[in-house]
């Protein structure tokens, strides 16, 4: 089955459970007043996404751009099934992998090796495939004896190494990526980039959020500009980046 994403009129709210506190309301309204509302239960909510629609099919490479808080990561997490839309419909066909957080899906109280096994079981791998997964991740992450220790004692750099190795070990049809994959020391990222590029080439659909123009233009053919939770512009990558960066009129 070919990969496909179909998003129709998706909206998502985040309730502020202490939204009636005066100090919180003053802070929130001063920063994002245009996205504050009340839901049917009279709770104060932030309108994270509003009426987002687009469709992708095999071969599509979509970049998401916008300022911090524009809704890029929220949209990625909604596509990944982490958040459920309040309104609208979302359909994703094909195996999916989300590079959104270096600790996504990891149990910090388990060892690195146990987390590898857990990921393999989650993906329905048999014993032989899990052994190959262990070898691949251990070789790439280069954690040596730390692989037998709980992840909670790892440094942030070690967590990124393990998370990156785990996230890129299983090749999906649909690949969702946030900017965390660019984190890490220079030596590691030089090695990681080749692995990541191979994964990007192998995916049928890519959805990438980044502030880096050269990454967007290199890997994406289409760009959606997110602004305050809404789609402000959607079109060819170079054209939308010129508008987004002020080099061309909207």
Protein backbone atom coordinates (compact mmCIF):
# COMPACT_ATOMS: atom_id res chain seq x y z
CA UNK A 1 0.00 0.00 0.00
CA UNK A 2 1.34 3.41 -0.99
CA UNK A 3 1.87 6.03 1.71
CA UNK A 4 -0.69 8.81 2.02
CA UNK A 5 -1.57 11.64 4.41
CA UNK A 6 -4.89 13.46 4.29
CA UNK A 7 -5.62 16.33 6.70
CA UNK A 8 -9.01 18.05 6.52
CA UNK A 9 -9.98 21.05 8.63
CA UNK A 10 -7.97 19.95 11.67
CA UNK A 11 -8.20 22.10 14.79
CA UNK A 12 -6.67 21.46 18.22
CA UNK A 13 -6.93 23.26 21.56
CA UNK A 14 -4.77 23.05 24.68
CA UNK A 15 -6.73 23.83 27.88
CA UNK A 16 -5.09 26.02 30.53
CA UNK A 17 -6.28 24.29 33.68
CA UNK A 18 -5.30 27.23 35.88
CA UNK A 19 -6.46 29.77 33.31
CA UNK A 20 -8.62 31.67 35.77
CA UNK A 21 -5.66 32.80 37.83
CA UNK A 22 -5.20 36.54 37.29
CA UNK A 23 -1.39 36.45 36.94
CA UNK A 24 -1.55 33.61 34.39
CA UNK A 25 -4.27 35.32 32.39
CA UNK A 26 -2.29 38.55 32.25
CA UNK A 27 0.84 36.70 31.08
CA UNK A 28 -0.94 34.57 28.51
CA UNK A 29 -3.14 37.31 27.09
CA UNK A 30 -0.16 39.64 26.66
CA UNK A 31 1.73 37.05 24.59
CA UNK A 32 -0.87 35.10 22.58
CA UNK A 33 -4.11 37.00 23.06
CA UNK A 34 -5.25 36.27 19.51
CA UNK A 35 -5.16 32.51 20.21
CA UNK A 36 -6.92 32.49 23.60
CA UNK A 37 -10.54 31.34 23.72
CA UNK A 38 -13.04 29.44 25.87
CA UNK A 39 -14.31 25.95 25.07
CA UNK A 40 -17.79 24.51 25.64
CA UNK A 41 -16.82 23.71 29.25
CA UNK A 42 -15.83 27.35 29.78
CA UNK A 43 -12.14 26.51 30.18
CA UNK A 44 -9.48 28.93 28.97
CA UNK A 45 -7.75 27.30 25.99
CA UNK A 46 -4.96 28.08 23.55
CA UNK A 47 -5.98 27.51 19.94
CA UNK A 48 -2.94 25.44 18.88
CA UNK A 49 -4.15 24.54 15.36
CA UNK A 50 -6.99 26.04 13.34
CA UNK A 51 -8.55 24.65 10.16
CA UNK A 52 -5.39 22.99 8.81
CA UNK A 53 -5.86 21.10 5.53
CA UNK A 54 -3.45 19.45 3.09
CA UNK A 55 -2.80 16.10 1.46
CA UNK A 56 0.40 14.22 0.63
CA UNK A 57 1.08 11.13 -1.46
CA UNK A 58 4.09 8.96 -2.22
CA UNK A 59 7.07 11.06 -3.33
CA UNK A 60 6.02 14.24 -1.51
CA UNK A 61 8.58 16.16 0.61
CA UNK A 62 6.90 18.78 2.81
CA UNK A 63 8.68 21.40 4.91
CA UNK A 64 7.00 23.27 7.78
CA UNK A 65 8.26 26.79 8.57
CA UNK A 66 7.13 29.52 10.93
CA UNK A 67 8.19 31.31 14.10
CA UNK A 68 8.39 29.54 17.46
CA UNK A 69 4.88 28.76 18.62
CA UNK A 70 3.42 28.85 15.11
CA UNK A 71 2.14 25.27 15.41
CA UNK A 72 4.78 23.30 13.49
CA UNK A 73 5.66 20.79 16.22
CA UNK A 74 2.02 20.53 17.31
CA UNK A 75 1.10 19.61 13.74
CA UNK A 76 3.86 17.00 13.58
CA UNK A 77 2.70 15.48 16.88
CA UNK A 78 -0.87 15.40 15.60
CA UNK A 79 0.26 13.59 12.44
CA UNK A 80 2.15 11.13 14.66
CA UNK A 81 -0.99 10.36 16.67
CA UNK A 82 0.32 11.92 19.90
CA UNK A 83 -2.42 14.58 19.87
CA UNK A 84 -5.99 13.98 18.74
CA UNK A 85 -7.69 16.67 16.65
CA UNK A 86 -10.58 18.51 18.29
CA UNK A 87 -12.26 19.10 14.92
CA UNK A 88 -11.61 17.73 11.46
CA UNK A 89 -10.23 14.47 10.12
CA UNK A 90 -6.75 12.99 9.80
CA UNK A 91 -5.73 9.88 7.88
CA UNK A 92 -2.22 8.45 7.57
CA UNK A 93 -1.62 5.33 5.46
CA UNK A 94 1.70 3.49 5.64
CA UNK A 95 4.24 2.70 8.34
CA UNK A 96 5.25 5.82 10.25
CA UNK A 97 8.32 6.96 12.18
CA UNK A 98 8.53 10.24 14.09
CA UNK A 99 11.85 11.91 14.94
CA UNK A 100 10.32 14.47 17.28
CA UNK A 101 12.11 14.04 20.60
CA UNK A 102 15.32 12.14 21.42
CA UNK A 103 13.55 10.42 24.33
CA UNK A 104 10.31 9.65 22.51
CA UNK A 105 9.25 6.10 23.33
CA UNK A 106 12.19 5.47 25.69
CA UNK A 107 11.84 4.36 29.33
CA UNK A 108 14.52 6.19 31.36
CA UNK A 109 14.54 3.49 34.04
CA UNK A 110 15.43 0.79 31.52
CA UNK A 111 18.91 0.24 30.12
CA UNK A 112 19.86 1.27 26.63
CA UNK A 113 19.77 -2.35 25.49
CA UNK A 114 16.36 -2.91 27.07
CA UNK A 115 15.04 0.16 25.28
CA UNK A 116 16.30 -1.24 21.98
CA UNK A 117 14.46 -4.50 22.66
CA UNK A 118 11.34 -2.56 23.62
CA UNK A 119 11.43 -0.64 20.34
CA UNK A 120 11.85 -3.87 18.39
CA UNK A 121 8.89 -5.49 20.13
CA UNK A 122 6.77 -2.40 19.55
CA UNK A 123 7.52 -2.64 15.82
CA UNK A 124 6.61 -6.32 15.76
CA UNK A 125 10.12 -7.62 15.06
CA UNK A 126 11.03 -11.26 15.68
CA UNK A 127 14.02 -12.32 17.80
CA UNK A 128 16.46 -12.42 14.91
CA UNK A 129 15.41 -8.95 13.72
CA UNK A 130 15.70 -7.57 17.28
CA UNK A 131 19.26 -8.94 17.51
CA UNK A 132 20.11 -7.18 14.25
CA UNK A 133 18.50 -4.02 15.59
CA UNK A 134 20.63 -4.22 18.76
CA UNK A 135 23.81 -4.63 16.74
CA UNK A 136 22.95 -1.71 14.47
CA UNK A 137 21.98 0.70 17.27
CA UNK A 138 24.92 -0.23 19.53
CA UNK A 139 27.39 0.14 16.68
CA UNK A 140 26.00 3.50 15.58
CA UNK A 141 25.42 5.10 19.00
CA UNK A 142 28.90 4.12 20.28
CA UNK A 143 27.82 4.09 23.94
CA UNK A 144 30.10 1.17 24.85
CA UNK A 145 29.35 -0.19 28.36
CA UNK A 146 26.76 2.53 29.00
CA UNK A 147 24.36 0.53 26.82
CA UNK A 148 23.91 -1.78 29.84
CA UNK A 149 23.06 1.11 32.22
CA UNK A 150 19.75 2.96 32.83
CA UNK A 151 19.07 5.77 30.34
CA UNK A 152 18.27 8.18 33.22
CA UNK A 153 21.99 8.44 34.03
CA UNK A 154 22.97 9.28 30.44
CA UNK A 155 24.20 12.74 29.52
CA UNK A 156 22.00 14.73 27.11
CA UNK A 157 24.45 13.94 24.31
CA UNK A 158 24.25 10.21 25.02
CA UNK A 159 20.45 10.34 25.01
CA UNK A 160 20.54 12.04 21.60
CA UNK A 161 22.90 9.36 20.26
CA UNK A 162 20.70 6.50 21.46
CA UNK A 163 17.48 8.25 20.43
CA UNK A 164 18.83 9.05 16.97
CA UNK A 165 20.13 5.52 16.44
CA UNK A 166 16.81 4.00 17.54
CA UNK A 167 14.70 6.41 15.51
CA UNK A 168 16.66 5.83 12.30
CA UNK A 169 17.17 2.07 12.61
CA UNK A 170 13.73 1.13 11.30
CA UNK A 171 12.87 2.61 7.89
CA UNK A 172 9.28 3.88 7.51
CA UNK A 173 7.06 4.84 4.58
CA UNK A 174 6.14 8.13 6.31
CA UNK A 175 8.90 10.06 8.08
CA UNK A 176 8.12 12.98 10.42
CA UNK A 177 11.06 15.07 11.66
CA UNK A 178 11.56 18.01 14.00
CA UNK A 179 14.75 20.00 14.47
CA UNK A 180 16.13 17.96 17.36
CA UNK A 181 17.88 15.69 14.83
CA UNK A 182 20.35 18.51 14.24
CA UNK A 183 21.43 18.44 17.90
CA UNK A 184 24.55 16.69 19.12
CA UNK A 185 28.28 17.12 18.84
CA UNK A 186 29.81 17.91 15.46
CA UNK A 187 31.62 14.59 15.10
CA UNK A 188 28.46 12.60 15.76
CA UNK A 189 26.30 14.72 13.44
CA UNK A 190 28.75 14.31 10.58
CA UNK A 191 28.22 10.56 10.81
CA UNK A 192 24.51 10.95 11.53
CA UNK A 193 23.80 13.08 8.49
CA UNK A 194 24.65 10.30 6.03
CA UNK A 195 22.37 7.89 7.90
CA UNK A 196 19.60 10.47 8.01
CA UNK A 197 19.88 11.32 4.31
CA UNK A 198 19.63 7.63 3.47
CA UNK A 199 16.49 7.39 5.59
CA UNK A 200 14.98 10.48 3.95
CA UNK A 201 15.64 9.07 0.48
CA UNK A 202 14.03 5.77 1.47
CA UNK A 203 10.82 7.30 2.87
CA UNK A 204 7.85 7.68 0.56
CA UNK A 205 6.63 10.82 2.38
CA UNK A 206 8.70 13.31 4.40
CA UNK A 207 7.31 16.04 6.68
CA UNK A 208 10.09 18.19 8.13
CA UNK A 209 9.96 21.17 10.52
CA UNK A 210 13.04 23.39 10.48
CA UNK A 211 14.19 27.00 10.82
CA UNK A 212 17.17 26.30 8.55
CA UNK A 213 16.54 27.42 4.99
CA UNK A 214 19.25 25.29 3.41
CA UNK A 215 17.81 22.14 5.02
CA UNK A 216 14.30 22.95 3.79
CA UNK A 217 15.47 23.71 0.25
CA UNK A 218 17.71 20.64 0.10
CA UNK A 219 15.17 18.10 1.35
CA UNK A 220 11.74 19.55 0.57
CA UNK A 221 9.84 20.29 -2.64
CA UNK A 222 6.82 21.88 -0.94
CA UNK A 223 6.52 24.21 2.08
CA UNK A 224 3.68 25.15 4.40
CA UNK A 225 4.15 28.39 6.34
CA UNK A 226 2.44 28.08 9.73
CA UNK A 227 1.36 31.26 11.53
CA UNK A 228 -0.53 31.25 14.85
CA UNK A 229 -1.74 27.71 14.28
CA UNK A 230 -3.01 28.34 10.75
CA UNK A 231 -1.69 27.70 7.25
CA UNK A 232 -0.58 31.11 5.98
CA UNK A 233 0.92 29.91 2.69
CA UNK A 234 1.39 26.60 0.88
CA UNK A 235 3.35 26.00 -2.31
CA UNK A 236 6.70 25.21 -3.96
CA UNK A 237 9.59 25.28 -1.47
CA UNK A 238 11.71 28.06 -3.01
CA UNK A 239 8.68 30.26 -3.67
CA UNK A 240 7.25 30.02 -0.13
CA UNK A 241 10.69 30.47 1.50
CA UNK A 242 11.19 33.71 -0.45
CA UNK A 243 7.84 35.01 0.81
CA UNK A 244 8.44 33.77 4.38
CA UNK A 245 11.88 35.41 4.56
CA UNK A 246 10.62 38.67 3.03
CA UNK A 247 12.43 38.34 -0.28
CA UNK A 248 9.19 38.38 -2.27
CA UNK A 249 5.68 39.77 -1.86
CA UNK A 250 3.00 37.47 -0.51
